[in-house]
Amino acid sequence: METKYVLDPIYQLTWDEVMTACKSIALEASSTFGPNVVVGIAKGGLIPATIIASILQLDIFPCVVTRKRRGRIIYDKPEVIVSVSEKVKGQRVLIVDEMVMTGETMRIVSSECTKLEARSIKTASIWVWTESWKPSFAYMESPGYVMFPWDYEVLVAGEFVLNPLYQEYIDSVEMMDDWKM
């Protein structure tokens, strides 16, 4: 699978692109690795993990490893909230997250699968930051930031608005553009 490079500082991913990414990852994982199960990292990674597991007709096991609470980063290092299922023992495991910024979360989940005696482990992500550790399979890479369709808009006081985290990033990019003038 050839990784798609996106140079835009902010890229809004579409649902069609999510499906293309998931199909590409599923095809590559199936042909080169043959996973038996999929482990999806909640919250955002469960969406592509579920799609990939459905395409491959595999069981999916969710886990929660995060730095965030209510969408905000509050921990320096990711915390395991819900562990990986013991059912990964002896299995070829494909770990899926929607994005990789540092690789720390993927490494923690991989370590959990190793402790549970998974036979082999590969990792996959729709998007990976250029400066990051790289998963086994990545659909796109960018030095910028990707906005995912499932959390592009959020509900605030009964209204759908641009996710404040995305808005903060857009504002910071616009400020940097102003500084360049």
Protein backbone atom coordinates (compact mmCIF):
# COMPACT_ATOMS: atom_id res chain seq x y z
CA MET A 1 0.00 0.00 0.00
CA GLU A 2 1.43 3.32 -0.97
CA THR A 3 0.90 6.07 1.60
CA LYS A 4 -0.79 9.20 0.26
CA TYR A 5 1.10 12.40 1.18
CA VAL A 6 -0.94 15.51 1.90
CA LEU A 7 0.88 18.82 2.21
CA ASP A 8 -2.12 20.93 3.27
CA PRO A 9 -1.71 22.33 6.80
CA ILE A 10 -5.39 21.43 7.42
CA TYR A 11 -7.12 18.65 5.52
CA GLN A 12 -10.80 17.76 5.89
CA LEU A 13 -11.18 14.04 5.26
CA THR A 14 -14.46 12.90 3.67
CA TRP A 15 -16.46 9.76 4.42
CA ASP A 16 -15.62 8.49 0.93
CA GLU A 17 -11.92 8.88 1.73
CA VAL A 18 -12.43 7.06 5.05
CA MET A 19 -13.96 4.13 3.17
CA THR A 20 -11.14 4.15 0.60
CA ALA A 21 -8.57 4.22 3.43
CA CYS A 22 -10.25 1.36 5.28
CA LYS A 23 -10.52 -0.76 2.13
CA SER A 24 -6.85 -0.11 1.31
CA ILE A 25 -5.72 -1.01 4.83
CA ALA A 26 -7.93 -4.13 4.87
CA LEU A 27 -6.62 -5.30 1.50
CA GLU A 28 -2.98 -4.74 2.46
CA ALA A 29 -3.35 -6.30 5.91
CA SER A 30 -5.16 -9.31 4.46
CA SER A 31 -2.65 -9.94 1.69
CA THR A 32 0.52 -9.41 3.75
CA PHE A 33 -0.43 -10.38 7.29
CA GLY A 34 -3.76 -12.21 7.46
CA PRO A 35 -5.07 -10.89 10.80
CA ASN A 36 -7.47 -13.06 12.86
CA VAL A 37 -8.82 -10.20 14.99
CA VAL A 38 -8.91 -6.40 15.04
CA VAL A 39 -8.28 -4.30 18.14
CA GLY A 40 -9.78 -0.81 17.84
CA ILE A 41 -8.47 2.05 19.95
CA ALA A 42 -11.32 4.18 21.28
CA LYS A 43 -12.62 6.65 20.66
CA GLY A 44 -11.80 7.67 17.08
CA GLY A 45 -10.01 4.46 16.13
CA LEU A 46 -13.13 2.38 16.70
CA ILE A 47 -14.70 3.81 13.56
CA PRO A 48 -12.05 2.65 11.06
CA ALA A 49 -11.41 -0.50 13.15
CA THR A 50 -15.09 -1.47 12.88
CA ILE A 51 -15.13 -0.82 9.14
CA ILE A 52 -11.92 -2.82 8.61
CA ALA A 53 -13.14 -5.68 10.82
CA SER A 54 -16.41 -5.75 8.87
CA ILE A 55 -14.59 -5.79 5.52
CA LEU A 56 -12.34 -8.64 6.71
CA GLN A 57 -15.24 -10.41 8.49
CA LEU A 58 -13.26 -10.51 11.75
CA ASP A 59 -14.08 -10.01 15.41
CA ILE A 60 -13.25 -6.61 16.86
CA PHE A 61 -12.14 -5.96 20.42
CA PRO A 62 -12.20 -2.35 21.66
CA CYS A 63 -9.75 -0.86 24.10
CA VAL A 64 -9.46 2.64 25.51
CA VAL A 65 -6.05 4.23 25.77
CA THR A 66 -6.08 8.01 25.83
CA ARG A 67 -4.58 11.27 27.01
CA LYS A 68 -7.97 12.97 26.77
CA ARG A 69 -11.12 13.55 28.77
CA ARG A 70 -14.11 15.16 27.08
CA GLY A 71 -12.00 15.95 24.01
CA ARG A 72 -9.24 17.79 25.87
CA ILE A 73 -5.72 16.53 26.48
CA ILE A 74 -5.21 16.30 30.23
CA TYR A 75 -2.47 13.66 30.60
CA ASP A 76 1.16 13.82 29.44
CA LYS A 77 1.15 10.10 28.64
CA PRO A 78 -1.70 7.92 27.41
CA GLU A 79 -3.60 6.01 30.11
CA VAL A 80 -5.12 2.55 29.73
CA ILE A 81 -8.80 2.96 30.67
CA VAL A 82 -10.12 -0.30 29.17
CA SER A 83 -7.56 -3.04 28.53
CA VAL A 84 -7.19 -5.22 25.46
CA SER A 85 -9.29 -8.40 25.55
CA GLU A 86 -7.59 -11.64 26.60
CA LYS A 87 -9.10 -13.14 23.44
CA VAL A 88 -6.10 -11.83 21.46
CA LYS A 89 -4.02 -14.71 22.88
CA GLY A 90 -2.55 -16.76 20.04
CA GLN A 91 -4.08 -14.47 17.39
CA ARG A 92 -2.66 -12.36 14.56
CA VAL A 93 -3.82 -8.93 15.74
CA LEU A 94 -4.37 -5.80 13.66
CA ILE A 95 -4.45 -2.74 15.94
CA VAL A 96 -6.30 0.22 14.40
CA ASP A 97 -6.45 3.88 15.38
CA GLU A 98 -7.66 6.80 13.31
CA MET A 99 -4.43 8.77 13.67
CA VAL A 100 -0.89 8.57 14.94
CA MET A 101 0.65 11.75 16.34
CA THR A 102 3.49 10.23 18.39
CA GLY A 103 2.90 6.48 18.23
CA GLU A 104 2.75 6.20 22.00
CA THR A 105 -0.83 4.90 22.11
CA MET A 106 -0.13 2.28 19.44
CA ARG A 107 2.99 1.13 21.28
CA ILE A 108 1.05 0.79 24.55
CA VAL A 109 -1.68 -1.28 22.89
CA SER A 110 0.94 -3.40 21.07
CA SER A 111 2.64 -4.03 24.40
CA GLU A 112 -0.70 -5.06 25.96
CA CYS A 113 -1.25 -7.53 23.09
CA THR A 114 2.28 -8.91 23.54
CA LYS A 115 1.67 -9.42 27.28
CA LEU A 116 -1.51 -11.30 26.39
CA GLU A 117 0.55 -13.56 24.08
CA ALA A 118 -0.81 -12.47 20.71
CA ARG A 119 0.91 -14.53 18.01
CA SER A 120 1.81 -11.48 15.91
CA ILE A 121 0.84 -7.82 15.82
CA LYS A 122 0.58 -5.17 13.11
CA THR A 123 -0.68 -1.61 13.42
CA ALA A 124 -2.77 0.55 11.09
CA SER A 125 -3.95 4.14 10.92
CA ILE A 126 -5.81 6.30 8.45
CA TRP A 127 -3.50 9.25 9.10
CA VAL A 128 0.00 9.60 10.49
CA TRP A 129 1.86 12.80 11.28
CA THR A 130 5.08 13.11 9.27
CA GLU A 131 7.28 13.47 12.37
CA SER A 132 5.75 10.43 14.11
CA TRP A 133 6.61 6.79 14.63
CA LYS A 134 5.04 4.90 11.72
CA PRO A 135 2.45 2.13 11.97
CA SER A 136 2.68 -0.99 9.78
CA PHE A 137 -0.05 0.39 7.49
CA ALA A 138 -0.94 4.06 7.00
CA TYR A 139 -3.26 5.45 4.35
CA MET A 140 -2.08 9.06 4.49
CA GLU A 141 0.74 11.10 5.96
CA SER A 142 0.92 14.83 6.51
CA PRO A 143 2.97 17.47 8.29
CA GLY A 144 -0.35 19.24 8.89
CA TYR A 145 -3.53 18.15 10.62
CA VAL A 146 -6.46 16.04 9.43
CA MET A 147 -10.06 16.69 10.44
CA PHE A 148 -12.14 13.51 10.57
CA PRO A 149 -15.77 13.52 9.39
CA TRP A 150 -17.11 11.92 12.57
CA ASP A 151 -15.99 14.76 14.80
CA TYR A 152 -15.80 17.69 12.43
CA GLU A 153 -18.93 19.12 14.00
CA VAL A 154 -19.98 18.81 17.63
CA LEU A 155 -23.16 19.69 19.46
CA VAL A 156 -22.88 22.81 21.64
CA ALA A 157 -25.98 24.29 23.28
CA GLY A 158 -28.26 22.53 20.79
CA GLU A 159 -26.32 23.72 17.73
CA PHE A 160 -23.81 21.92 15.52
CA VAL A 161 -20.55 23.88 15.41
CA LEU A 162 -17.04 23.28 14.17
CA ASN A 163 -15.21 21.17 16.76
CA PRO A 164 -13.44 23.70 19.01
CA LEU A 165 -10.20 21.67 18.81
CA TYR A 166 -10.24 21.98 15.04
CA GLN A 167 -11.08 25.67 15.32
CA GLU A 168 -8.08 26.22 17.63
CA TYR A 169 -5.79 24.55 15.11
CA ILE A 170 -7.25 26.55 12.19
CA ASP A 171 -6.78 29.77 14.19
CA SER A 172 -3.16 28.87 15.00
CA VAL A 173 -2.40 28.15 11.32
CA GLU A 174 -3.97 31.46 10.33
CA MET A 175 -1.84 33.26 12.98
CA MET A 176 1.30 31.63 11.59
CA ASP A 177 0.33 32.80 8.09
CA ASP A 178 -0.04 36.35 9.46
CA TRP A 179 3.44 36.18 11.01
CA LYS A 180 4.95 35.23 7.64
CA MET A 181 3.79 38.47 6.04
